[in-house]
């Protein structure tokens, strides 16, 4: 089935074109406006690649109005019935619900015992500043989205509320790490020493 070969950018575009027909430039502009790249890896070039792929698969088709518009980047595309079915099939997969992020910051933290003196605190301070900036941005986007959709019972609102809550949780956790940092010590019972 076609849905098995669809990437996240393909699915995002199928959903976007199911809302209303548009051409690639419009799709890129709407993805930017909605800050979709905050939650889905869809680059500008990927939009055009995905549109061509979806067209070849018969999951999107040129809208009747675009027949005389000229140029592939100006073709107005819409999701077909097959495209909506493929999107629905793909969204039923268990993989969507069975994955955790692997933030690079946690990898750094696991290796941080190797840092030079003072570096751990500097990195924690950098992370806090990054999170505080991100939190301010997410809150602003959340306010904008609430105004756009007109209510709080929408998937975009829920997603942004989760993003805000995750950042707030990590900031609270960083406060604890800052407090505990002076007491940092090696493992008391290292399990890796399995020798005889």
Protein backbone atom coordinates (compact mmCIF):
# COMPACT_ATOMS: atom_id res chain seq x y z
CA UNK A 1 0.00 0.00 0.00
CA UNK A 2 1.17 3.55 -0.78
CA UNK A 3 0.85 4.75 2.83
CA UNK A 4 3.74 2.47 3.87
CA UNK A 5 6.18 4.51 1.75
CA UNK A 6 4.98 7.93 2.79
CA UNK A 7 7.28 10.17 4.81
CA UNK A 8 6.22 12.70 7.43
CA UNK A 9 6.57 15.57 4.91
CA UNK A 10 4.35 13.63 2.48
CA UNK A 11 1.68 13.22 5.16
CA UNK A 12 1.86 16.87 6.21
CA UNK A 13 1.35 17.95 2.60
CA UNK A 14 -1.52 15.52 2.03
CA UNK A 15 -3.23 16.98 5.07
CA UNK A 16 -2.54 20.55 4.01
CA UNK A 17 -3.88 19.99 0.50
CA UNK A 18 -6.96 18.27 1.93
CA UNK A 19 -7.84 21.61 3.57
CA UNK A 20 -7.84 23.40 0.23
CA UNK A 21 -6.05 23.17 -3.12
CA UNK A 22 -2.83 25.20 -3.40
CA UNK A 23 0.49 25.30 -5.22
CA UNK A 24 3.90 24.63 -3.72
CA UNK A 25 4.71 28.25 -2.96
CA UNK A 26 1.44 28.64 -1.06
CA UNK A 27 2.07 25.39 0.81
CA UNK A 28 5.53 26.61 1.87
CA UNK A 29 4.11 29.96 2.99
CA UNK A 30 1.36 28.28 5.02
CA UNK A 31 3.82 25.86 6.64
CA UNK A 32 5.95 28.85 7.61
CA UNK A 33 2.98 30.86 8.89
CA UNK A 34 1.72 27.96 11.01
CA UNK A 35 5.23 27.19 12.30
CA UNK A 36 4.83 23.58 11.15
CA UNK A 37 8.58 23.18 10.98
CA UNK A 38 8.57 23.36 14.80
CA UNK A 39 6.92 19.92 14.97
CA UNK A 40 7.55 18.32 11.57
CA UNK A 41 10.75 18.24 9.55
CA UNK A 42 9.52 19.67 6.25
CA UNK A 43 12.13 21.75 4.44
CA UNK A 44 11.32 24.05 1.53
CA UNK A 45 12.90 21.71 -1.05
CA UNK A 46 11.10 18.75 0.57
CA UNK A 47 7.74 20.37 -0.21
CA UNK A 48 8.41 20.26 -3.95
CA UNK A 49 9.94 16.78 -3.81
CA UNK A 50 6.92 15.48 -1.86
CA UNK A 51 4.44 17.16 -4.20
CA UNK A 52 6.06 15.47 -7.21
CA UNK A 53 6.11 12.09 -5.41
CA UNK A 54 2.48 12.41 -4.29
CA UNK A 55 1.47 13.39 -7.82
CA UNK A 56 3.26 10.35 -9.31
CA UNK A 57 1.48 8.11 -6.77
CA UNK A 58 -1.90 9.62 -7.67
CA UNK A 59 -2.40 10.91 -4.12
CA UNK A 60 -2.66 14.53 -5.27
CA UNK A 61 -3.86 15.88 -8.60
CA UNK A 62 -3.81 19.18 -10.40
CA UNK A 63 -6.88 21.25 -9.68
CA UNK A 64 -8.97 22.12 -12.75
CA UNK A 65 -8.20 25.81 -12.26
CA UNK A 66 -4.45 25.23 -12.64
CA UNK A 67 -4.56 23.61 -16.10
CA UNK A 68 -3.63 26.83 -17.85
CA UNK A 69 -1.50 28.39 -15.09
CA UNK A 70 1.77 27.05 -16.52
CA UNK A 71 4.83 25.75 -14.76
CA UNK A 72 5.01 22.85 -12.30
CA UNK A 73 5.64 25.12 -9.30
CA UNK A 74 2.40 26.97 -10.07
CA UNK A 75 0.19 23.89 -10.44
CA UNK A 76 -2.60 24.06 -7.90
CA UNK A 77 -2.81 20.62 -6.30
CA UNK A 78 -5.50 18.92 -4.23
CA UNK A 79 -5.53 15.67 -2.27
CA UNK A 80 -7.37 12.87 -4.09
CA UNK A 81 -9.66 10.28 -2.49
CA UNK A 82 -6.72 7.85 -2.69
CA UNK A 83 -4.55 10.46 -0.96
CA UNK A 84 -7.03 10.94 1.88
CA UNK A 85 -7.28 7.16 2.29
CA UNK A 86 -3.47 6.78 2.30
CA UNK A 87 -3.19 9.54 4.91
CA UNK A 88 -5.88 7.93 7.07
CA UNK A 89 -4.15 4.53 6.75
CA UNK A 90 -0.77 6.00 7.71
CA UNK A 91 -2.25 7.72 10.76
CA UNK A 92 -3.53 4.38 12.12
CA UNK A 93 0.00 2.99 12.62
CA UNK A 94 1.22 2.19 16.14
CA UNK A 95 4.57 3.88 15.51
CA UNK A 96 2.97 7.28 16.13
CA UNK A 97 2.32 6.36 19.76
CA UNK A 98 5.43 4.33 20.59
CA UNK A 99 8.40 6.63 20.35
CA UNK A 100 10.39 8.87 22.68
CA UNK A 101 12.59 11.73 21.60
CA UNK A 102 16.31 11.39 22.06
CA UNK A 103 17.30 14.97 22.83
CA UNK A 104 20.95 15.71 22.15
CA UNK A 105 21.07 17.57 25.49
CA UNK A 106 20.50 14.28 27.36
CA UNK A 107 23.38 12.69 25.44
CA UNK A 108 25.55 15.64 26.47
CA UNK A 109 24.42 15.25 30.09
CA UNK A 110 25.36 11.56 30.11
CA UNK A 111 28.85 12.45 28.89
CA UNK A 112 29.23 15.66 30.92
CA UNK A 113 31.28 14.05 33.68
CA UNK A 114 34.18 14.34 31.19
CA UNK A 115 33.85 18.15 30.93
CA UNK A 116 36.54 20.56 32.04
CA UNK A 117 35.90 22.51 35.26
CA UNK A 118 33.15 25.10 34.94
CA UNK A 119 31.83 23.81 31.62
CA UNK A 120 28.87 21.91 33.06
CA UNK A 121 27.51 25.03 34.76
CA UNK A 122 28.06 27.11 31.59
CA UNK A 123 26.21 24.54 29.50
CA UNK A 124 23.34 24.36 31.98
CA UNK A 125 23.10 28.16 31.85
CA UNK A 126 23.09 28.07 28.04
CA UNK A 127 20.38 25.43 28.04
CA UNK A 128 18.27 27.50 30.46
CA UNK A 129 18.62 30.63 28.27
CA UNK A 130 17.71 28.60 25.17
CA UNK A 131 14.65 27.14 26.89
CA UNK A 132 13.50 30.50 28.22
CA UNK A 133 13.73 32.03 24.73
CA UNK A 134 11.93 29.02 23.26
CA UNK A 135 9.23 29.23 25.92
CA UNK A 136 8.56 32.88 25.12
CA UNK A 137 8.32 32.06 21.40
CA UNK A 138 6.03 29.06 21.95
CA UNK A 139 3.74 31.09 24.19
CA UNK A 140 3.51 33.79 21.51
CA UNK A 141 2.75 31.22 18.81
CA UNK A 142 0.14 29.63 21.09
CA UNK A 143 -1.55 33.01 21.54
CA UNK A 144 -1.47 33.57 17.75
CA UNK A 145 -2.92 30.12 17.05
CA UNK A 146 -5.68 30.56 19.62
CA UNK A 147 -6.64 33.82 17.88
CA UNK A 148 -6.49 32.13 14.45
CA UNK A 149 -8.64 29.11 15.33
CA UNK A 150 -10.91 31.01 17.69
CA UNK A 151 -11.09 28.36 20.43
CA UNK A 152 -8.93 26.06 22.55
CA UNK A 153 -10.25 22.72 21.28
CA UNK A 154 -8.00 22.31 18.24
CA UNK A 155 -5.03 20.02 17.60
CA UNK A 156 -2.69 22.98 16.97
CA UNK A 157 -3.60 24.45 20.38
CA UNK A 158 -3.10 21.09 22.10
CA UNK A 159 0.28 20.58 20.42
CA UNK A 160 1.51 23.99 21.48
CA UNK A 161 0.18 23.56 25.01
CA UNK A 162 2.20 20.33 25.24
CA UNK A 163 5.32 22.06 23.87
CA UNK A 164 4.93 24.83 26.47
CA UNK A 165 4.40 22.29 29.28
CA UNK A 166 7.47 20.29 28.20
CA UNK A 167 9.69 23.37 28.25
CA UNK A 168 8.29 24.44 31.62
CA UNK A 169 8.97 20.95 32.99
CA UNK A 170 12.55 20.97 31.72
CA UNK A 171 13.13 24.41 33.25
CA UNK A 172 11.94 23.09 36.64
CA UNK A 173 14.20 20.06 36.21
CA UNK A 174 17.18 22.32 35.35
CA UNK A 175 16.59 24.20 38.59
CA UNK A 176 16.90 20.89 40.46
CA UNK A 177 20.07 19.95 38.54
CA UNK A 178 21.57 23.38 39.35
CA UNK A 179 20.76 22.83 43.02
CA UNK A 180 22.24 19.29 43.00
CA UNK A 181 25.33 20.05 40.87
CA UNK A 182 27.67 20.75 43.84
CA UNK A 183 26.85 17.26 45.19
CA UNK A 184 27.55 15.47 41.90
CA UNK A 185 29.54 12.26 42.42
CA UNK A 186 30.55 9.09 40.62
CA UNK A 187 28.30 6.03 40.88
CA UNK A 188 28.58 4.34 44.29
CA UNK A 189 27.98 0.88 42.82
CA UNK A 190 29.03 0.95 39.15
CA UNK A 191 27.37 -1.97 37.38
CA UNK A 192 29.90 -1.94 34.55
CA UNK A 193 32.61 -3.58 36.70
CA UNK A 194 31.64 -7.15 35.83
CA UNK A 195 35.17 -8.59 35.89
CA UNK A 196 36.21 -11.50 38.13
